[in-house]
Amino acid sequence: MTNKIVIINSIEYPVYADIDEADKYNNAIYGSTWQNLQEDDQARLLVMATRKIDSYNYAGEKKDPNQELKFPRVMTNGKTNDDEVLTNLCCQIATYYLTNGTSSSGGDSGNILSQMKSYQIGDLHLTLKDDAQIDLSGLDDFIEQALKDWLMSQSMEIWL
């Protein structure tokens, strides 16, 4: 996996999918919903998606102990992860965040970014608007299906 980054406010953030990859993946599926976002908002969604992926505990070891993200990884049996799966998963989670924002009054408010009162990307602090509700049910299913062989709780790898 090559080192992929997005830039927000002149700061580089490591991600599993960059803007070009997300454009190719998401424009084909979501068209103008993704295309109409500002590049900074696309980058924020990709950082959030990457951090969601990295929030799980995975089996195996980082390929490079100094890498910032949890992937690429190698199992003790030599199995390595599929970079394309990670790229597509990151794109899918970013669009999931994009399309799953609601308000407590029951109306569809558009996306998770519209529900933010404030956010900070460094160490990811999010503050939702007072009536915001984010429906993320199902998001864990995406990750568990895509990375099931790597999840610590489902991995057959034994650590002694």
C-alpha atoms as a PDB file:
ATOM      1  CA  MET A   1       0.000   0.000   0.000  1.00  0.00           C
ATOM      2  CA  THR A   2       1.411   3.345  -0.968  1.00  0.00           C
ATOM      3  CA  ASN A   3       1.246   6.175   1.518  1.00  0.00           C
ATOM      4  CA  LYS A   4      -1.962   8.022   0.760  1.00  0.00           C
ATOM      5  CA  ILE A   5      -2.734  11.435   2.173  1.00  0.00           C
ATOM      6  CA  VAL A   6      -5.307  14.187   2.077  1.00  0.00           C
ATOM      7  CA  ILE A   7      -4.526  17.788   2.958  1.00  0.00           C
ATOM      8  CA  ILE A   8      -6.768  19.873   5.201  1.00  0.00           C
ATOM      9  CA  ASN A   9      -5.673  23.374   6.198  1.00  0.00           C
ATOM     10  CA  SER A  10      -2.155  22.649   4.894  1.00  0.00           C
ATOM     11  CA  ILE A  11      -1.819  19.577   7.154  1.00  0.00           C
ATOM     12  CA  GLU A  12      -1.334  16.101   5.692  1.00  0.00           C
ATOM     13  CA  TYR A  13      -3.436  13.214   7.051  1.00  0.00           C
ATOM     14  CA  PRO A  14      -2.837   9.548   6.215  1.00  0.00           C
ATOM     15  CA  VAL A  15      -5.864   7.804   4.703  1.00  0.00           C
ATOM     16  CA  TYR A  16      -6.744   4.506   3.059  1.00  0.00           C
ATOM     17  CA  ALA A  17      -8.236   6.268   0.010  1.00  0.00           C
ATOM     18  CA  ASP A  18      -7.170   9.593  -1.445  1.00  0.00           C
ATOM     19  CA  ILE A  19      -9.417  12.171  -3.143  1.00  0.00           C
ATOM     20  CA  ASP A  20      -8.811  10.799  -6.657  1.00  0.00           C
ATOM     21  CA  GLU A  21      -9.677   7.245  -5.616  1.00  0.00           C
ATOM     22  CA  ALA A  22     -12.763   8.434  -3.737  1.00  0.00           C
ATOM     23  CA  ASP A  23     -13.869  10.460  -6.764  1.00  0.00           C
ATOM     24  CA  LYS A  24     -13.617   7.419  -9.044  1.00  0.00           C
ATOM     25  CA  TYR A  25     -15.413   5.139  -6.582  1.00  0.00           C
ATOM     26  CA  ASN A  26     -18.071   7.517  -5.307  1.00  0.00           C
ATOM     27  CA  ASN A  27     -18.907   9.405  -8.513  1.00  0.00           C
ATOM     28  CA  ALA A  28     -19.827   6.126 -10.158  1.00  0.00           C
ATOM     29  CA  ILE A  29     -22.204   5.262  -7.314  1.00  0.00           C
ATOM     30  CA  TYR A  30     -23.368   8.545  -5.821  1.00  0.00           C
ATOM     31  CA  GLY A  31     -22.767  11.030  -8.648  1.00  0.00           C
ATOM     32  CA  SER A  32     -23.478  14.616  -7.730  1.00  0.00           C
ATOM     33  CA  THR A  33     -23.924  13.887  -4.015  1.00  0.00           C
ATOM     34  CA  TRP A  34     -20.174  13.290  -3.770  1.00  0.00           C
ATOM     35  CA  GLN A  35     -19.130  15.581  -6.651  1.00  0.00           C
ATOM     36  CA  ASN A  36     -20.802  18.653  -5.152  1.00  0.00           C
ATOM     37  CA  LEU A  37     -18.775  18.464  -1.936  1.00  0.00           C
ATOM     38  CA  GLN A  38     -15.848  20.802  -1.494  1.00  0.00           C
ATOM     39  CA  GLU A  39     -12.518  18.962  -1.604  1.00  0.00           C
ATOM     40  CA  ASP A  40     -11.870  19.802   2.083  1.00  0.00           C
ATOM     41  CA  ASP A  41     -15.179  18.157   3.030  1.00  0.00           C
ATOM     42  CA  GLN A  42     -14.310  15.092   0.949  1.00  0.00           C
ATOM     43  CA  ALA A  43     -10.953  14.964   2.729  1.00  0.00           C
ATOM     44  CA  ARG A  44     -12.622  15.246   6.158  1.00  0.00           C
ATOM     45  CA  LEU A  45     -14.935  12.340   5.334  1.00  0.00           C
ATOM     46  CA  LEU A  46     -11.981  10.216   4.201  1.00  0.00           C
ATOM     47  CA  VAL A  47     -10.088  11.006   7.433  1.00  0.00           C
ATOM     48  CA  MET A  48     -13.162  10.094   9.485  1.00  0.00           C
ATOM     49  CA  ALA A  49     -13.546   6.844   7.505  1.00  0.00           C
ATOM     50  CA  THR A  50      -9.877   5.968   7.959  1.00  0.00           C
ATOM     51  CA  ARG A  51     -10.096   6.598  11.698  1.00  0.00           C
ATOM     52  CA  LYS A  52     -13.203   4.432  11.915  1.00  0.00           C
ATOM     53  CA  ILE A  53     -11.334   1.571  10.232  1.00  0.00           C
ATOM     54  CA  ASP A  54      -8.380   2.066  12.574  1.00  0.00           C
ATOM     55  CA  SER A  55     -10.628   2.072  15.663  1.00  0.00           C
ATOM     56  CA  TYR A  56     -10.790  -1.752  15.609  1.00  0.00           C
ATOM     57  CA  ASN A  57      -8.287  -4.225  17.048  1.00  0.00           C
ATOM     58  CA  TYR A  58      -6.687  -6.319  14.330  1.00  0.00           C
ATOM     59  CA  ALA A  59      -4.658  -9.497  14.323  1.00  0.00           C
ATOM     60  CA  GLY A  60      -1.228  -9.646  12.810  1.00  0.00           C
ATOM     61  CA  GLU A  61       1.456  -7.007  12.903  1.00  0.00           C
ATOM     62  CA  LYS A  62       1.945  -3.737  11.067  1.00  0.00           C
ATOM     63  CA  LYS A  63       4.089  -4.329   7.999  1.00  0.00           C
ATOM     64  CA  ASP A  64       6.275  -1.425   9.119  1.00  0.00           C
ATOM     65  CA  PRO A  65       6.307  -0.737  12.880  1.00  0.00           C
ATOM     66  CA  ASN A  66       6.650   3.000  12.150  1.00  0.00           C
ATOM     67  CA  GLN A  67       3.599   3.292   9.885  1.00  0.00           C
ATOM     68  CA  GLU A  68       0.887   5.677  11.089  1.00  0.00           C
ATOM     69  CA  LEU A  69      -2.134   3.543  10.163  1.00  0.00           C
ATOM     70  CA  LYS A  70      -2.968  -0.010  11.244  1.00  0.00           C
ATOM     71  CA  PHE A  71      -2.710  -1.342   7.676  1.00  0.00           C
ATOM     72  CA  PRO A  72      -0.867  -2.763   5.802  1.00  0.00           C
ATOM     73  CA  ARG A  73      -0.623  -5.787   8.100  1.00  0.00           C
ATOM     74  CA  VAL A  74       0.909  -9.247   7.954  1.00  0.00           C
ATOM     75  CA  MET A  75      -0.310 -12.346   9.802  1.00  0.00           C
ATOM     76  CA  THR A  76       2.210 -14.763  11.265  1.00  0.00           C
ATOM     77  CA  ASN A  77       1.266 -17.176   8.460  1.00  0.00           C
ATOM     78  CA  GLY A  78       2.418 -14.547   5.943  1.00  0.00           C
ATOM     79  CA  LYS A  79      -1.039 -13.499   4.780  1.00  0.00           C
ATOM     80  CA  THR A  80      -1.214  -9.818   3.836  1.00  0.00           C
ATOM     81  CA  ASN A  81      -4.217  -7.548   3.454  1.00  0.00           C
ATOM     82  CA  ASP A  82      -5.809  -6.560   0.150  1.00  0.00           C
ATOM     83  CA  ASP A  83      -5.151  -2.857  -0.453  1.00  0.00           C
ATOM     84  CA  GLU A  84      -8.088  -2.528  -2.848  1.00  0.00           C
ATOM     85  CA  VAL A  85     -10.488  -3.747  -0.143  1.00  0.00           C
ATOM     86  CA  LEU A  86      -9.211  -1.056   2.233  1.00  0.00           C
ATOM     87  CA  THR A  87      -9.468   1.654  -0.427  1.00  0.00           C
ATOM     88  CA  ASN A  88     -13.021   0.702  -1.358  1.00  0.00           C
ATOM     89  CA  LEU A  89     -14.045   0.328   2.287  1.00  0.00           C
ATOM     90  CA  CYS A  90     -12.707   3.795   3.100  1.00  0.00           C
ATOM     91  CA  CYS A  91     -14.660   5.260   0.159  1.00  0.00           C
ATOM     92  CA  GLN A  92     -17.812   3.410   1.194  1.00  0.00           C
ATOM     93  CA  ILE A  93     -17.590   4.579   4.814  1.00  0.00           C
ATOM     94  CA  ALA A  94     -16.980   8.167   3.681  1.00  0.00           C
ATOM     95  CA  THR A  95     -20.178   8.101   1.619  1.00  0.00           C
ATOM     96  CA  TYR A  96     -22.011   6.377   4.458  1.00  0.00           C
ATOM     97  CA  TYR A  97     -21.109   9.340   6.646  1.00  0.00           C
ATOM     98  CA  LEU A  98     -22.148  11.654   3.820  1.00  0.00           C
ATOM     99  CA  THR A  99     -25.611  10.193   3.417  1.00  0.00           C
ATOM    100  CA  ASN A 100     -26.626   9.372   7.002  1.00  0.00           C
ATOM    101  CA  GLY A 101     -27.435  12.590   8.810  1.00  0.00           C
ATOM    102  CA  THR A 102     -30.824  13.303  10.381  1.00  0.00           C
ATOM    103  CA  SER A 103     -32.249  15.802  12.834  1.00  0.00           C
ATOM    104  CA  SER A 104     -34.271  14.966  15.945  1.00  0.00           C
ATOM    105  CA  SER A 105     -37.269  16.672  14.367  1.00  0.00           C
ATOM    106  CA  GLY A 106     -37.312  13.760  11.940  1.00  0.00           C
ATOM    107  CA  GLY A 107     -36.219  15.572   8.796  1.00  0.00           C
ATOM    108  CA  ASP A 108     -33.356  14.528   6.623  1.00  0.00           C
ATOM    109  CA  SER A 109     -30.671  17.138   6.992  1.00  0.00           C
ATOM    110  CA  GLY A 110     -28.416  15.852   4.249  1.00  0.00           C
ATOM    111  CA  ASN A 111     -25.209  14.461   5.692  1.00  0.00           C
ATOM    112  CA  ILE A 112     -23.002  14.125   8.732  1.00  0.00           C
ATOM    113  CA  LEU A 113     -21.093  17.304   7.871  1.00  0.00           C
ATOM    114  CA  SER A 114     -24.299  19.328   8.037  1.00  0.00           C
ATOM    115  CA  GLN A 115     -24.874  17.976  11.553  1.00  0.00           C
ATOM    116  CA  MET A 116     -21.568  19.294  12.875  1.00  0.00           C
ATOM    117  CA  LYS A 117     -21.550  22.314  15.125  1.00  0.00           C
ATOM    118  CA  SER A 118     -17.766  22.099  15.192  1.00  0.00           C
ATOM    119  CA  TYR A 119     -15.071  19.622  14.339  1.00  0.00           C
ATOM    120  CA  GLN A 120     -11.319  19.391  14.590  1.00  0.00           C
ATOM    121  CA  ILE A 121      -9.423  16.863  12.522  1.00  0.00           C
ATOM    122  CA  GLY A 122      -6.294  16.550  14.700  1.00  0.00           C
ATOM    123  CA  ASP A 123      -7.354  13.916  17.273  1.00  0.00           C
ATOM    124  CA  LEU A 124     -10.857  14.163  15.751  1.00  0.00           C
ATOM    125  CA  HIS A 125     -13.138  16.152  18.051  1.00  0.00           C
ATOM    126  CA  LEU A 126     -16.717  16.328  16.777  1.00  0.00           C
ATOM    127  CA  THR A 127     -19.515  18.366  18.292  1.00  0.00           C
ATOM    128  CA  LEU A 128     -22.986  17.770  16.879  1.00  0.00           C
ATOM    129  CA  LYS A 129     -25.728  20.368  16.610  1.00  0.00           C
ATOM    130  CA  ASP A 130     -28.253  20.212  19.457  1.00  0.00           C
ATOM    131  CA  ASP A 131     -30.928  18.301  17.511  1.00  0.00           C
ATOM    132  CA  ALA A 132     -28.550  16.122  15.491  1.00  0.00           C
ATOM    133  CA  GLN A 133     -28.727  12.359  15.381  1.00  0.00           C
ATOM    134  CA  ILE A 134     -26.361  10.290  13.305  1.00  0.00           C
ATOM    135  CA  ASP A 135     -27.575   6.871  12.232  1.00  0.00           C
ATOM    136  CA  LEU A 136     -24.467   4.738  11.991  1.00  0.00           C
ATOM    137  CA  SER A 137     -26.206   1.417  12.446  1.00  0.00           C
ATOM    138  CA  GLY A 138     -24.888  -0.889   9.807  1.00  0.00           C
ATOM    139  CA  LEU A 139     -21.507   0.803   9.535  1.00  0.00           C
ATOM    140  CA  ASP A 140     -19.847  -1.828  11.701  1.00  0.00           C
ATOM    141  CA  ASP A 141     -21.285  -4.496   9.397  1.00  0.00           C
ATOM    142  CA  PHE A 142     -19.387  -2.978   6.430  1.00  0.00           C
ATOM    143  CA  ILE A 143     -16.128  -3.142   8.323  1.00  0.00           C
ATOM    144  CA  GLU A 144     -16.721  -6.572   9.845  1.00  0.00           C
ATOM    145  CA  GLN A 145     -17.535  -8.078   6.446  1.00  0.00           C
ATOM    146  CA  ALA A 146     -14.649  -6.425   4.608  1.00  0.00           C
ATOM    147  CA  LEU A 147     -12.020  -7.090   7.271  1.00  0.00           C
ATOM    148  CA  LYS A 148     -13.402 -10.177   9.034  1.00  0.00           C
ATOM    149  CA  ASP A 149     -10.189 -12.162   8.581  1.00  0.00           C
ATOM    150  CA  TRP A 150      -8.268  -9.426  10.357  1.00  0.00           C
ATOM    151  CA  LEU A 151     -10.496  -8.639  13.338  1.00  0.00           C
ATOM    152  CA  MET A 152      -8.945  -9.875  16.584  1.00  0.00           C
ATOM    153  CA  SER A 153     -12.185 -11.385  17.873  1.00  0.00           C
ATOM    154  CA  GLN A 154     -12.736 -13.392  14.685  1.00  0.00           C
ATOM    155  CA  SER A 155      -9.165 -14.154  13.692  1.00  0.00           C
ATOM    156  CA  MET A 156      -7.900 -17.706  13.922  1.00  0.00           C
ATOM    157  CA  GLU A 157      -4.398 -16.421  14.651  1.00  0.00           C
ATOM    158  CA  ILE A 158      -3.211 -17.430  18.110  1.00  0.00           C
ATOM    159  CA  TRP A 159      -0.948 -15.150  20.114  1.00  0.00           C
ATOM    160  CA  LEU A 160       1.327 -16.826  22.650  1.00  0.00           C
END
